[in-house]
Amino acid sequence: MRNDNEPSEETKNEWENDPDNWIWGMFYYNPKDKRSYFPKRIKEFGWHANYADPNYIVIVLLLVAVIVLFIKYAR
C-alpha cells in the first residue's frame, strides 16, 4: 500500500533523471524528494543519498563526530 503523500514511482524516476537535481552530476539534491537514500540504477552498485534531506545531514555530522572522537581518543 502506498501512502497518499508519497509520490509515484514515475515521479521518483523523473526526479532521478532530471539533471537539475544533480550537483556536478554526482550529488543528488532534491528537497521535494523525502527519501534519504535510494538505490542506484544498477542496484548492485549501492545507494545514492539525497543531500537535501535534513536527516541525512544529521547522520553525516554524527558519523564525522564519531570518527573524529575515535581518532582523538584511540591513541
N, C-alpha and C. Protein backbone atom coordinates (compact mmCIF):
# COMPACT_ATOMS: atom_id res chain seq x y z
N MET A 1 0.83 -1.18 0.00
CA MET A 1 0.00 0.00 0.00
C MET A 1 0.87 1.24 0.00
N ARG A 2 0.44 2.20 -0.77
CA ARG A 2 1.19 3.44 -0.89
C ARG A 2 0.58 4.52 -0.01
N ASN A 3 1.41 5.31 0.60
CA ASN A 3 0.96 6.48 1.34
C ASN A 3 0.45 7.51 0.34
N ASP A 4 -0.65 8.19 0.63
CA ASP A 4 -1.21 9.17 -0.30
C ASP A 4 -0.28 10.34 -0.55
N ASN A 5 0.59 10.65 0.42
CA ASN A 5 1.53 11.77 0.26
C ASN A 5 2.79 11.36 -0.50
N GLU A 6 2.99 10.07 -0.66
CA GLU A 6 4.20 9.58 -1.32
C GLU A 6 4.05 9.71 -2.84
N PRO A 7 5.07 10.26 -3.51
CA PRO A 7 4.99 10.39 -4.97
C PRO A 7 5.04 9.03 -5.65
N SER A 8 4.54 8.98 -6.86
CA SER A 8 4.52 7.73 -7.61
C SER A 8 5.94 7.36 -8.05
N GLU A 9 6.10 6.11 -8.45
CA GLU A 9 7.41 5.65 -8.95
C GLU A 9 7.80 6.44 -10.20
N GLU A 10 6.83 6.81 -11.01
CA GLU A 10 7.12 7.59 -12.22
C GLU A 10 7.70 8.96 -11.84
N THR A 11 7.11 9.60 -10.84
CA THR A 11 7.61 10.90 -10.38
C THR A 11 9.02 10.76 -9.82
N LYS A 12 9.26 9.71 -9.03
CA LYS A 12 10.59 9.49 -8.46
C LYS A 12 11.62 9.29 -9.57
N ASN A 13 11.25 8.53 -10.60
CA ASN A 13 12.17 8.32 -11.72
C ASN A 13 12.45 9.61 -12.47
N GLU A 14 11.43 10.46 -12.63
CA GLU A 14 11.63 11.76 -13.29
C GLU A 14 12.60 12.62 -12.47
N TRP A 15 12.43 12.62 -11.15
CA TRP A 15 13.34 13.38 -10.29
C TRP A 15 14.77 12.88 -10.44
N GLU A 16 14.95 11.56 -10.42
CA GLU A 16 16.29 10.99 -10.51
C GLU A 16 16.94 11.27 -11.86
N ASN A 17 16.15 11.37 -12.91
CA ASN A 17 16.70 11.59 -14.25
C ASN A 17 16.82 13.07 -14.61
N ASP A 18 16.31 13.95 -13.77
CA ASP A 18 16.37 15.39 -14.03
C ASP A 18 17.76 15.92 -13.68
N PRO A 19 18.51 16.44 -14.65
CA PRO A 19 19.87 16.93 -14.36
C PRO A 19 19.90 18.11 -13.40
N ASP A 20 18.78 18.83 -13.25
CA ASP A 20 18.74 19.95 -12.32
C ASP A 20 18.78 19.49 -10.86
N ASN A 21 18.49 18.22 -10.60
CA ASN A 21 18.53 17.69 -9.24
C ASN A 21 19.89 17.11 -8.88
N TRP A 22 20.85 17.25 -9.75
CA TRP A 22 22.19 16.71 -9.50
C TRP A 22 23.21 17.85 -9.50
N ILE A 23 23.99 17.94 -8.44
CA ILE A 23 25.04 18.95 -8.34
C ILE A 23 26.31 18.31 -8.87
N TRP A 24 26.91 18.93 -9.86
CA TRP A 24 28.13 18.45 -10.53
C TRP A 24 27.95 17.04 -11.08
N GLY A 25 26.72 16.63 -11.30
CA GLY A 25 26.45 15.33 -11.87
C GLY A 25 26.64 14.16 -10.93
N MET A 26 26.96 14.41 -9.65
CA MET A 26 27.20 13.31 -8.73
C MET A 26 26.51 13.43 -7.38
N PHE A 27 26.03 14.58 -7.00
CA PHE A 27 25.38 14.77 -5.71
C PHE A 27 23.91 15.07 -5.94
N TYR A 28 23.02 14.18 -5.45
CA TYR A 28 21.59 14.34 -5.63
C TYR A 28 21.06 15.30 -4.58
N TYR A 29 20.41 16.38 -5.02
CA TYR A 29 19.86 17.40 -4.12
C TYR A 29 18.47 17.76 -4.60
N ASN A 30 17.45 17.21 -3.93
CA ASN A 30 16.06 17.47 -4.30
C ASN A 30 15.22 17.58 -3.03
N PRO A 31 14.87 18.81 -2.62
CA PRO A 31 14.07 18.98 -1.39
C PRO A 31 12.68 18.37 -1.49
N LYS A 32 12.15 18.20 -2.69
CA LYS A 32 10.82 17.60 -2.84
C LYS A 32 10.84 16.10 -2.56
N ASP A 33 11.98 15.47 -2.74
CA ASP A 33 12.11 14.03 -2.53
C ASP A 33 12.44 13.78 -1.07
N LYS A 34 11.58 13.09 -0.36
CA LYS A 34 11.75 12.88 1.08
C LYS A 34 12.58 11.64 1.42
N ARG A 35 13.05 10.92 0.42
CA ARG A 35 13.89 9.75 0.69
C ARG A 35 15.29 10.20 1.04
N SER A 36 15.86 9.61 2.09
CA SER A 36 17.25 9.90 2.45
C SER A 36 18.20 9.17 1.52
N TYR A 37 17.83 7.92 1.21
CA TYR A 37 18.64 7.08 0.34
C TYR A 37 17.73 6.43 -0.69
N PHE A 38 18.28 6.13 -1.85
CA PHE A 38 17.55 5.37 -2.86
C PHE A 38 18.57 4.60 -3.68
N PRO A 39 18.15 3.44 -4.23
CA PRO A 39 19.12 2.60 -4.94
C PRO A 39 19.59 3.24 -6.25
N LYS A 40 20.83 2.94 -6.60
CA LYS A 40 21.35 3.41 -7.88
C LYS A 40 20.65 2.66 -9.01
N ARG A 41 20.83 3.14 -10.22
CA ARG A 41 20.17 2.50 -11.36
C ARG A 41 20.54 1.03 -11.47
N ILE A 42 21.81 0.73 -11.27
CA ILE A 42 22.25 -0.66 -11.19
C ILE A 42 22.35 -0.96 -9.69
N LYS A 43 21.37 -1.66 -9.16
CA LYS A 43 21.21 -1.82 -7.72
C LYS A 43 22.43 -2.44 -7.03
N GLU A 44 23.20 -3.24 -7.74
CA GLU A 44 24.38 -3.85 -7.14
C GLU A 44 25.47 -2.84 -6.83
N PHE A 45 25.39 -1.64 -7.40
CA PHE A 45 26.41 -0.62 -7.17
C PHE A 45 26.17 0.21 -5.93
N GLY A 46 25.07 -0.04 -5.20
CA GLY A 46 24.85 0.67 -3.95
C GLY A 46 23.70 1.64 -3.96
N TRP A 47 23.87 2.70 -3.20
CA TRP A 47 22.79 3.66 -2.97
C TRP A 47 23.27 5.09 -3.20
N HIS A 48 22.32 5.96 -3.54
CA HIS A 48 22.56 7.40 -3.61
C HIS A 48 21.98 8.03 -2.35
N ALA A 49 22.50 9.16 -1.97
CA ALA A 49 21.97 9.91 -0.83
C ALA A 49 21.38 11.21 -1.33
N ASN A 50 20.30 11.64 -0.70
CA ASN A 50 19.68 12.92 -1.01
C ASN A 50 20.23 13.96 -0.05
N TYR A 51 21.10 14.81 -0.54
CA TYR A 51 21.76 15.81 0.31
C TYR A 51 20.82 16.92 0.76
N ALA A 52 19.61 16.98 0.23
CA ALA A 52 18.64 17.98 0.65
C ALA A 52 17.84 17.51 1.87
N ASP A 53 17.94 16.25 2.23
CA ASP A 53 17.19 15.71 3.36
C ASP A 53 17.90 16.05 4.66
N PRO A 54 17.22 16.74 5.59
CA PRO A 54 17.87 17.12 6.85
C PRO A 54 18.31 15.91 7.67
N ASN A 55 17.60 14.80 7.57
CA ASN A 55 18.00 13.59 8.30
C ASN A 55 19.36 13.10 7.83
N TYR A 56 19.63 13.20 6.55
CA TYR A 56 20.91 12.75 6.03
C TYR A 56 22.04 13.63 6.57
N ILE A 57 21.81 14.93 6.65
CA ILE A 57 22.83 15.85 7.16
C ILE A 57 23.17 15.50 8.62
N VAL A 58 22.15 15.19 9.42
CA VAL A 58 22.38 14.82 10.82
C VAL A 58 23.19 13.54 10.89
N ILE A 59 22.86 12.56 10.06
CA ILE A 59 23.58 11.29 10.05
C ILE A 59 25.05 11.51 9.69
N VAL A 60 25.31 12.33 8.69
CA VAL A 60 26.69 12.60 8.27
C VAL A 60 27.45 13.31 9.39
N LEU A 61 26.84 14.29 10.03
CA LEU A 61 27.51 15.01 11.11
C LEU A 61 27.82 14.09 12.28
N LEU A 62 26.89 13.20 12.62
CA LEU A 62 27.15 12.25 13.70
C LEU A 62 28.28 11.29 13.33
N LEU A 63 28.29 10.84 12.10
CA LEU A 63 29.36 9.94 11.65
C LEU A 63 30.72 10.63 11.71
N VAL A 64 30.79 11.86 11.27
CA VAL A 64 32.05 12.61 11.31
C VAL A 64 32.49 12.81 12.77
N ALA A 65 31.54 13.12 13.65
CA ALA A 65 31.88 13.31 15.07
C ALA A 65 32.43 12.03 15.68
N VAL A 66 31.82 10.89 15.36
CA VAL A 66 32.30 9.61 15.88
C VAL A 66 33.71 9.32 15.37
N ILE A 67 33.95 9.58 14.11
CA ILE A 67 35.28 9.33 13.54
C ILE A 67 36.32 10.23 14.19
N VAL A 68 35.98 11.51 14.36
CA VAL A 68 36.93 12.43 14.99
C VAL A 68 37.22 12.02 16.42
N LEU A 69 36.18 11.64 17.17
CA LEU A 69 36.41 11.20 18.55
C LEU A 69 37.22 9.92 18.60
N PHE A 70 36.97 9.01 17.70
CA PHE A 70 37.74 7.77 17.67
C PHE A 70 39.22 8.06 17.38
N ILE A 71 39.48 8.93 16.43
CA ILE A 71 40.87 9.27 16.10
C ILE A 71 41.55 9.96 17.27
N LYS A 72 40.82 10.85 17.94
CA LYS A 72 41.40 11.61 19.03
C LYS A 72 41.72 10.73 20.24
N TYR A 73 40.83 9.78 20.57
CA TYR A 73 40.98 9.02 21.81
C TYR A 73 41.46 7.58 21.59
N ALA A 74 41.78 7.20 20.38
CA ALA A 74 42.22 5.83 20.09
C ALA A 74 43.70 5.62 20.40
N ARG A 75 44.40 6.62 20.75
CA ARG A 75 45.84 6.50 20.98
C ARG A 75 46.17 5.86 22.26
